[in-house]
Amino acid sequence: MLIIFTRIAQVQFSRTFADQFPAWQGWCIGFLTSIFLLLSVVLREIAHSFAALNEGVKVYGITIFSFSGIKSIGNPSSTAMSQLRVASAGPITSISISIVCFSLSANINPILQNLLTQIGVINLLLAVFNLLPALPLDGGVILKSLAWYFTGSERKGHRVAIASGRFFSLGVIILGVLTLTVPGAAFLALCLITFGWFGLTSIRSHDQITIVQKTLSNTSVKEISKRRFRVLEQDQPLKRLSDLGLISSIENCSKEWVLLCSSGRWVGYITPEFFKDVPLEHWNQYLLADYKKPLSDLPSISEKSPLWVAVLALEKQKDQRLLVFNLAGLPSGTIDKVDLSEIVLKELGLKLPKTILEEARKNNSYPLGISLVKLVEQMMKNSLIQKSELDKWFVEIPSENKGSES
């Protein structure tokens, strides 16, 4: 982008002065224009950051992409007016830079005048562009804040900004299509259509990320857990697993968990790995109790935990699922990566075929390469998940209850 803007500024310089100066001077002015433009973007993002800090919002860093920037911040502003002030800082800075450049460009060397004029014009255009009512542009955030302030609902403000962004982007695309009919305006039409399309894509992406974050934060494990385990009395022989079709051999065994109980009390669990050295013909001579392991050995989670806790817990261990305990300390179900993906995709209005879901469950992976853990890590980085919440939820769940029935 630096090269492109340097070339554009060089062409403008050459046309303005009709080749009165050497070509190298034009390139130098073009390069300086691009550098000052980049500095203008940095100043705009710094203004955003100082405004955020003034509102009590933590700023962890600024990343500059071409001639735009993205801030890494903690929890966003908690009030509409606070968010409005942070969003307004950028356009105000761009307009201020533009005014300063125009003021300094009067009665000075023509070359410097041209340089300052270009910087002023570009900053003015940047301000106008960022004030467009489409998220995640400043104008979209300002519109959201105003709608939030007058309706009293942040969610309604977000919806207004999303709707406005879609309407504006569609309008730009339509304008681009109409511009195709104007002779010699094909490039402008293509730019308009591209801008509108990227606007729609950006809005959709922003909306989807927000939906997924809310789903992971506001949905509990209980709401999506499923009972994928069998329960047997511990005084039954090993052969009982084969009789029930839970296992035919050590090599070809069911992945379904088998939990053991005794007189209505949960006492452990068993898998074929525990008795793999026992000959098949002796399975009727040994009891399940002889090879049980405590439930505390199974990766587990409380049913009241939010889904982001399950995402992190599944990432930390090799088992493909978590055992879910209810508030009474009893096993109530299981949850795996496919269960998490299904609820997220459902909230996004998508539904995958069972074959894809089962294949993902077989491979202990998220379907379609979905990476929920990266999204949760980003939520943690942006302080949408506090360390106190991590300490609260990642507490070992007791494996033995005090006598409730299974």
Protein backbone atom coordinates (compact mmCIF):
# COMPACT_ATOMS: atom_id res chain seq x y z
CA MET A 1 0.00 0.00 0.00
CA LEU A 2 2.92 2.35 0.69
CA ILE A 3 4.11 1.91 -2.91
CA ILE A 4 0.62 2.41 -4.33
CA PHE A 5 0.01 5.64 -2.42
CA THR A 6 3.51 6.86 -3.28
CA ARG A 7 2.76 6.32 -6.96
CA ILE A 8 -0.64 8.05 -6.72
CA ALA A 9 0.91 11.06 -4.96
CA GLN A 10 3.76 11.17 -7.50
CA VAL A 11 1.31 11.22 -10.42
CA GLN A 12 -0.69 13.98 -8.78
CA PHE A 13 2.50 16.02 -8.20
CA SER A 14 3.62 15.61 -11.83
CA ARG A 15 0.21 16.68 -13.19
CA THR A 16 -0.01 19.67 -10.86
CA PHE A 17 3.39 21.07 -11.82
CA ALA A 18 3.38 19.85 -15.43
CA ASP A 19 6.88 18.38 -15.22
CA GLN A 20 8.42 21.63 -13.91
CA PHE A 21 10.56 19.63 -11.50
CA PRO A 22 12.75 16.55 -11.91
CA ALA A 23 11.05 13.15 -11.64
CA TRP A 24 12.98 12.26 -8.48
CA GLN A 25 11.41 15.18 -6.64
CA GLY A 26 7.97 13.88 -7.55
CA TRP A 27 8.83 10.47 -6.15
CA CYS A 28 10.23 12.02 -2.99
CA ILE A 29 7.07 14.06 -2.45
CA GLY A 30 4.98 10.93 -3.11
CA PHE A 31 6.98 8.95 -0.56
CA LEU A 32 6.74 11.73 2.04
CA THR A 33 2.99 11.95 1.45
CA SER A 34 2.61 8.22 2.16
CA ILE A 35 4.80 8.44 5.27
CA PHE A 36 2.85 11.40 6.66
CA LEU A 37 -0.39 9.62 5.88
CA LEU A 38 0.82 6.60 7.84
CA LEU A 39 1.76 8.89 10.73
CA SER A 40 -1.72 10.39 10.55
CA VAL A 41 -3.23 6.93 10.95
CA VAL A 42 -0.94 6.25 13.93
CA LEU A 43 -1.98 9.55 15.53
CA ARG A 44 -5.65 8.68 14.98
CA GLU A 45 -5.25 5.30 16.68
CA ILE A 46 -3.27 6.90 19.52
CA ALA A 47 -6.14 9.36 19.98
CA HIS A 48 -8.56 6.42 20.17
CA SER A 49 -6.30 4.75 22.74
CA PHE A 50 -5.96 7.83 24.95
CA ALA A 51 -9.72 8.31 24.84
CA ALA A 52 -10.21 4.67 25.83
CA LEU A 53 -7.71 4.98 28.70
CA ASN A 54 -9.50 8.12 29.86
CA GLU A 55 -12.72 6.09 30.00
CA GLY A 56 -11.05 3.36 32.06
CA VAL A 57 -10.63 0.89 29.19
CA LYS A 58 -7.33 -1.01 29.11
CA VAL A 59 -5.37 -0.81 25.83
CA TYR A 60 -2.86 -3.61 25.27
CA GLY A 61 -1.52 -2.57 21.86
CA ILE A 62 -2.16 -1.13 18.41
CA THR A 63 -1.65 -2.98 15.15
CA ILE A 64 -1.41 -0.92 11.95
CA PHE A 65 -2.64 -2.56 8.74
CA SER A 66 -1.78 -0.50 5.65
CA PHE A 67 -3.64 2.75 6.34
CA SER A 68 -5.94 1.54 9.09
CA GLY A 69 -5.42 0.29 12.62
CA ILE A 70 -6.84 -2.18 15.12
CA LYS A 71 -6.60 -1.74 18.89
CA SER A 72 -6.29 -4.62 21.31
CA ILE A 73 -8.38 -3.52 24.29
CA GLY A 74 -9.92 -4.98 27.40
CA ASN A 75 -13.61 -4.77 28.24
CA PRO A 76 -15.26 -2.20 25.96
CA SER A 77 -16.80 0.97 27.35
CA SER A 78 -19.66 0.20 29.70
CA THR A 79 -21.86 3.17 28.77
CA ALA A 80 -23.15 4.57 25.51
CA MET A 81 -21.61 8.01 25.96
CA SER A 82 -18.25 6.53 26.95
CA GLN A 83 -18.21 4.43 23.78
CA LEU A 84 -19.27 7.48 21.77
CA ARG A 85 -16.35 9.54 23.09
CA VAL A 86 -13.83 6.81 22.29
CA ALA A 87 -15.17 6.34 18.75
CA SER A 88 -15.30 10.10 18.07
CA ALA A 89 -11.64 10.61 18.94
CA GLY A 90 -10.45 9.14 15.62
CA PRO A 91 -12.46 11.28 13.18
CA ILE A 92 -11.84 14.40 15.30
CA THR A 93 -8.10 13.77 15.08
CA SER A 94 -8.21 13.27 11.30
CA ILE A 95 -10.23 16.46 10.82
CA SER A 96 -7.85 18.36 13.11
CA ILE A 97 -4.83 17.18 11.11
CA SER A 98 -6.60 18.23 7.93
CA ILE A 99 -7.34 21.72 9.29
CA VAL A 100 -3.73 22.17 10.45
CA CYS A 101 -2.38 21.10 7.05
CA PHE A 102 -4.70 23.44 5.15
CA SER A 103 -3.78 26.32 7.49
CA LEU A 104 -0.03 25.77 7.09
CA SER A 105 -0.26 25.40 3.31
CA ALA A 106 -1.05 29.09 2.75
CA ASN A 107 1.72 31.36 1.41
CA ILE A 108 4.57 28.81 1.46
CA ASN A 109 6.78 27.03 -1.05
CA PRO A 110 4.59 25.46 -3.81
CA ILE A 111 6.11 22.03 -3.28
CA LEU A 112 5.44 22.06 0.47
CA GLN A 113 2.02 23.54 -0.21
CA ASN A 114 1.21 20.62 -2.49
CA LEU A 115 2.46 18.14 0.12
CA LEU A 116 0.41 19.64 2.96
CA THR A 117 -2.66 19.96 0.76
CA GLN A 118 -2.51 16.30 -0.21
CA ILE A 119 -2.11 15.23 3.42
CA GLY A 120 -4.99 17.51 4.42
CA VAL A 121 -7.28 16.18 1.70
CA ILE A 122 -6.45 12.54 2.46
CA ASN A 123 -7.06 13.03 6.19
CA LEU A 124 -10.36 14.69 5.42
CA LEU A 125 -11.34 11.74 3.23
CA LEU A 126 -10.24 9.33 5.97
CA ALA A 127 -12.44 11.16 8.45
CA VAL A 128 -15.42 11.02 6.09
CA PHE A 129 -14.78 7.33 5.37
CA ASN A 130 -14.52 6.43 9.06
CA LEU A 131 -17.72 8.33 9.81
CA LEU A 132 -19.73 6.11 7.47
CA PRO A 133 -22.49 4.37 9.51
CA ALA A 134 -21.16 0.83 9.21
CA LEU A 135 -19.45 -1.37 11.80
CA PRO A 136 -16.62 -1.66 12.61
CA LEU A 137 -15.95 1.89 11.32
CA ASP A 138 -16.07 4.73 13.83
CA GLY A 139 -19.30 5.96 12.29
CA GLY A 140 -20.91 2.58 12.94
CA VAL A 141 -19.77 2.65 16.57
CA ILE A 142 -21.05 6.22 16.96
CA LEU A 143 -24.43 5.23 15.51
CA LYS A 144 -24.56 2.21 17.82
CA SER A 145 -23.74 4.41 20.83
CA LEU A 146 -26.44 6.95 19.97
CA ALA A 147 -29.04 4.23 19.43
CA TRP A 148 -27.92 2.60 22.70
CA TYR A 149 -28.25 5.93 24.53
CA PHE A 150 -31.75 6.74 23.24
CA THR A 151 -33.17 3.19 23.52
CA GLY A 152 -31.38 2.22 26.71
CA SER A 153 -30.35 -1.13 25.16
CA GLU A 154 -26.86 -1.95 23.90
CA ARG A 155 -28.26 -4.89 21.93
CA LYS A 156 -30.73 -2.62 20.11
CA GLY A 157 -27.92 -0.17 19.39
CA HIS A 158 -25.85 -3.00 17.92
CA ARG A 159 -28.76 -4.10 15.74
CA VAL A 160 -29.30 -0.56 14.47
CA ALA A 161 -25.62 -0.24 13.54
CA ILE A 162 -25.60 -3.65 11.82
CA ALA A 163 -28.78 -2.81 9.86
CA SER A 164 -27.37 0.59 8.87
CA GLY A 165 -24.10 -1.00 7.73
CA ARG A 166 -25.92 -3.56 5.60
CA PHE A 167 -28.14 -0.88 4.06
CA PHE A 168 -25.17 1.36 3.32
CA SER A 169 -23.08 -1.47 1.84
CA LEU A 170 -25.94 -2.61 -0.37
CA GLY A 171 -26.46 0.98 -1.48
CA VAL A 172 -22.80 1.27 -2.46
CA ILE A 173 -23.01 -1.98 -4.45
CA ILE A 174 -26.13 -0.76 -6.29
CA LEU A 175 -24.41 2.58 -6.99
CA GLY A 176 -21.43 0.68 -8.36
CA VAL A 177 -23.64 -1.39 -10.65
CA LEU A 178 -25.34 1.77 -11.94
CA THR A 179 -21.94 3.40 -12.46
CA LEU A 180 -21.05 0.60 -14.88
CA THR A 181 -23.42 2.24 -17.38
CA VAL A 182 -21.37 5.47 -17.35
CA PRO A 183 -18.69 5.53 -20.10
CA GLY A 184 -15.16 5.48 -18.76
CA ALA A 185 -16.26 4.85 -15.16
CA ALA A 186 -15.60 1.10 -15.04
CA PHE A 187 -12.74 1.42 -12.51
CA LEU A 188 -14.82 3.60 -10.17
CA ALA A 189 -17.72 1.15 -10.46
CA LEU A 190 -15.46 -1.76 -9.63
CA CYS A 191 -14.11 0.10 -6.58
CA LEU A 192 -17.63 0.85 -5.34
CA ILE A 193 -18.81 -2.74 -5.78
CA THR A 194 -15.69 -4.07 -4.06
CA PHE A 195 -16.06 -1.62 -1.18
CA GLY A 196 -19.72 -2.53 -0.70
CA TRP A 197 -18.97 -6.25 -0.82
CA PHE A 198 -16.18 -5.96 1.74
CA GLY A 199 -18.52 -3.90 3.89
CA LEU A 200 -21.12 -6.67 3.90
CA THR A 201 -18.45 -9.28 4.61
CA SER A 202 -17.01 -7.25 7.48
CA ILE A 203 -20.43 -6.71 9.02
CA ARG A 204 -21.30 -10.38 8.76
CA SER A 205 -17.98 -11.42 10.30
CA HIS A 206 -18.33 -8.89 13.12
CA ASP A 207 -21.89 -10.04 13.81
CA GLN A 208 -20.95 -13.73 13.77
CA ILE A 209 -18.05 -13.26 16.19
CA THR A 210 -20.33 -11.35 18.57
CA ILE A 211 -22.95 -14.12 18.39
CA VAL A 212 -20.39 -16.86 19.07
CA GLN A 213 -18.85 -14.94 21.99
CA LYS A 214 -22.27 -14.45 23.59
CA THR A 215 -23.13 -18.11 23.05
CA LEU A 216 -19.91 -19.28 24.72
CA SER A 217 -20.42 -16.85 27.63
CA ASN A 218 -24.17 -17.10 28.22
CA THR A 219 -24.91 -20.76 27.49
CA SER A 220 -24.29 -23.32 30.23
CA VAL A 221 -22.92 -26.82 29.80
CA LYS A 222 -26.21 -28.21 31.09
CA GLU A 223 -28.09 -26.83 28.08
CA ILE A 224 -26.16 -28.90 25.53
CA SER A 225 -24.81 -31.91 27.42
CA LYS A 226 -26.04 -35.36 26.37
CA ARG A 227 -26.11 -38.64 28.24
CA ARG A 228 -23.52 -40.72 26.41
CA PHE A 229 -22.66 -43.25 29.08
CA ARG A 230 -24.05 -46.50 30.45
CA VAL A 231 -24.57 -47.36 34.10
CA LEU A 232 -23.96 -50.84 35.54
CA GLU A 233 -23.82 -52.34 39.01
CA GLN A 234 -20.23 -53.03 40.01
CA ASP A 235 -20.98 -56.59 41.19
CA GLN A 236 -21.66 -57.81 37.62
CA PRO A 237 -19.06 -59.88 35.71
CA LEU A 238 -16.88 -58.44 32.93
CA LYS A 239 -18.85 -60.53 30.46
CA ARG A 240 -21.83 -58.24 31.09
CA LEU A 241 -20.18 -55.64 28.86
CA SER A 242 -20.13 -58.11 25.97
CA ASP A 243 -23.72 -59.26 26.64
CA LEU A 244 -24.94 -55.68 26.36
CA GLY A 245 -23.00 -55.14 23.13
CA LEU A 246 -20.73 -52.61 24.75
CA ILE A 247 -17.65 -54.59 23.81
CA SER A 248 -16.82 -57.51 21.53
CA SER A 249 -13.05 -57.48 21.99
CA ILE A 250 -10.31 -55.24 23.31
CA GLU A 251 -9.45 -54.15 19.77
CA ASN A 252 -13.06 -53.52 18.78
CA CYS A 253 -14.59 -51.86 21.80
CA SER A 254 -17.26 -49.26 22.33
CA LYS A 255 -16.17 -45.70 23.11
CA GLU A 256 -19.19 -45.31 25.36
CA TRP A 257 -18.23 -44.74 28.96
CA VAL A 258 -19.45 -47.32 31.48
CA LEU A 259 -20.03 -45.86 34.95
CA LEU A 260 -20.39 -48.12 37.95
CA CYS A 261 -22.67 -47.83 40.93
CA SER A 262 -23.42 -49.81 44.06
CA SER A 263 -26.70 -49.54 46.00
CA GLY A 264 -27.51 -46.25 44.34
CA ARG A 265 -24.06 -44.73 44.86
CA TRP A 266 -21.59 -43.88 42.12
CA VAL A 267 -18.37 -45.77 42.75
CA GLY A 268 -16.27 -45.46 39.58
CA TYR A 269 -15.98 -46.37 35.93
CA ILE A 270 -14.42 -49.02 33.72
CA THR A 271 -12.97 -49.34 30.22
CA PRO A 272 -11.64 -52.39 28.34
CA GLU A 273 -8.10 -51.07 28.78
CA PHE A 274 -8.28 -51.94 32.48
CA PHE A 275 -8.68 -55.68 31.84
CA LYS A 276 -7.03 -56.14 28.45
CA ASP A 277 -4.78 -58.87 29.83
CA VAL A 278 -7.72 -60.99 31.01
CA PRO A 279 -8.49 -63.83 28.54
CA LEU A 280 -11.94 -63.62 26.99
CA GLU A 281 -12.96 -67.00 28.41
CA HIS A 282 -12.32 -65.71 31.95
CA TRP A 283 -14.50 -62.62 31.67
CA ASN A 284 -17.29 -64.37 33.52
CA GLN A 285 -15.03 -65.05 36.52
CA TYR A 286 -14.14 -61.43 37.35
CA LEU A 287 -16.37 -58.59 38.49
CA LEU A 288 -16.47 -55.06 37.12
CA ALA A 289 -15.58 -53.87 40.62
CA ASP A 290 -12.22 -55.64 40.36
CA TYR A 291 -11.07 -53.30 37.58
CA LYS A 292 -12.89 -50.06 38.34
CA LYS A 293 -11.23 -46.67 38.52
CA PRO A 294 -12.49 -43.62 40.47
CA LEU A 295 -14.61 -41.10 38.63
CA SER A 296 -12.04 -38.47 39.53
CA ASP A 297 -9.81 -39.97 36.82
CA LEU A 298 -12.29 -38.87 34.15
CA PRO A 299 -12.08 -35.29 32.82
CA SER A 300 -15.13 -33.56 34.21
CA ILE A 301 -17.00 -30.28 34.35
CA SER A 302 -19.91 -28.76 36.25
CA GLU A 303 -23.21 -28.40 34.40
CA LYS A 304 -23.44 -24.75 35.46
CA SER A 305 -20.13 -23.85 33.76
CA PRO A 306 -20.33 -21.59 30.68
CA LEU A 307 -19.34 -23.19 27.38
CA TRP A 308 -16.00 -21.38 27.13
CA VAL A 309 -14.88 -23.38 30.17
CA ALA A 310 -15.66 -26.61 28.30
CA VAL A 311 -13.67 -25.36 25.29
CA LEU A 312 -10.56 -24.81 27.43
CA ALA A 313 -11.04 -28.04 29.40
CA LEU A 314 -11.32 -30.14 26.23
CA GLU A 315 -8.19 -28.51 24.86
CA LYS A 316 -6.17 -29.36 27.97
CA GLN A 317 -6.66 -33.14 27.87
CA LYS A 318 -6.68 -35.93 25.29
CA ASP A 319 -10.08 -37.43 26.07
CA GLN A 320 -12.68 -36.56 23.49
CA ARG A 321 -15.37 -35.66 26.01
CA LEU A 322 -16.01 -34.37 29.51
CA LEU A 323 -18.19 -35.99 32.16
CA VAL A 324 -20.81 -33.47 33.32
CA PHE A 325 -21.75 -33.30 37.00
CA ASN A 326 -25.03 -31.75 38.16
CA LEU A 327 -25.39 -29.49 41.19
CA ALA A 328 -25.84 -32.53 43.45
CA GLY A 329 -22.46 -33.89 42.37
CA LEU A 330 -23.96 -36.67 40.21
CA PRO A 331 -22.99 -37.52 36.61
CA SER A 332 -25.70 -36.13 34.35
CA GLY A 333 -24.21 -36.30 30.86
CA THR A 334 -21.21 -35.67 28.65
CA ILE A 335 -20.04 -32.91 26.35
CA ASP A 336 -17.56 -32.96 23.46
CA LYS A 337 -16.25 -30.70 20.70
CA VAL A 338 -19.06 -31.65 18.34
CA ASP A 339 -21.68 -30.68 20.93
CA LEU A 340 -20.01 -27.28 21.26
CA SER A 341 -19.84 -26.84 17.49
CA GLU A 342 -23.50 -27.76 17.02
CA ILE A 343 -24.80 -25.08 19.38
CA VAL A 344 -22.50 -22.43 17.88
CA LEU A 345 -23.51 -23.32 14.32
CA LYS A 346 -27.18 -23.38 15.35
CA GLU A 347 -26.91 -19.83 16.69
CA LEU A 348 -25.37 -18.83 13.34
CA GLY A 349 -28.26 -20.48 11.49
CA LEU A 350 -26.23 -23.42 10.17
CA LYS A 351 -26.76 -27.18 10.42
CA LEU A 352 -24.24 -29.80 9.33
CA PRO A 353 -25.05 -33.32 8.10
CA LYS A 354 -24.75 -36.09 10.70
CA THR A 355 -22.00 -37.77 8.69
CA ILE A 356 -19.73 -34.74 9.09
CA LEU A 357 -20.51 -34.48 12.80
CA GLU A 358 -19.84 -38.16 13.45
CA GLU A 359 -16.59 -38.04 11.51
CA ALA A 360 -15.48 -35.06 13.61
CA ARG A 361 -16.48 -36.88 16.80
CA LYS A 362 -14.53 -39.94 15.68
CA ASN A 363 -11.42 -37.78 15.09
CA ASN A 364 -11.94 -35.79 18.31
CA SER A 365 -11.98 -32.53 16.37
CA TYR A 366 -14.19 -29.57 15.57
CA PRO A 367 -16.12 -30.00 12.28
CA LEU A 368 -15.06 -27.87 9.29
CA GLY A 369 -11.89 -26.84 11.10
CA ILE A 370 -13.74 -24.57 13.54
CA SER A 371 -11.32 -23.35 16.19
CA LEU A 372 -13.32 -22.30 19.23
CA VAL A 373 -10.24 -22.34 21.45
CA LYS A 374 -8.66 -19.48 19.46
CA LEU A 375 -11.82 -17.43 19.91
CA VAL A 376 -11.82 -18.11 23.67
CA GLU A 377 -8.13 -17.15 23.86
CA GLN A 378 -8.98 -13.88 22.10
CA MET A 379 -11.81 -13.30 24.60
CA MET A 380 -9.29 -13.80 27.40
CA LYS A 381 -6.78 -11.48 25.73
CA ASN A 382 -9.44 -8.78 25.42
CA SER A 383 -10.48 -9.32 29.06
CA LEU A 384 -13.95 -10.50 28.08
CA ILE A 385 -13.03 -13.40 30.35
CA GLN A 386 -11.43 -12.33 33.61
CA LYS A 387 -8.77 -14.31 35.49
CA SER A 388 -11.11 -14.46 38.47
CA GLU A 389 -13.58 -16.37 36.30
CA LEU A 390 -10.88 -18.85 35.32
CA ASP A 391 -10.06 -19.43 38.99
CA LYS A 392 -13.76 -19.78 39.78
CA TRP A 393 -14.60 -22.40 37.18
CA PHE A 394 -11.42 -24.43 37.04
CA VAL A 395 -11.94 -26.02 40.45
CA GLU A 396 -11.68 -29.79 40.72
CA ILE A 397 -15.12 -31.38 40.85
CA PRO A 398 -15.56 -34.00 43.59
CA SER A 399 -15.86 -37.46 42.07
CA GLU A 400 -17.67 -39.27 44.87
CA ASN A 401 -21.08 -38.10 46.01
CA LYS A 402 -22.48 -38.68 49.46
CA GLY A 403 -25.21 -41.18 48.64
CA SER A 404 -27.67 -39.83 46.06
CA GLU A 405 -29.18 -42.40 43.81
CA SER A 406 -27.94 -42.94 40.28
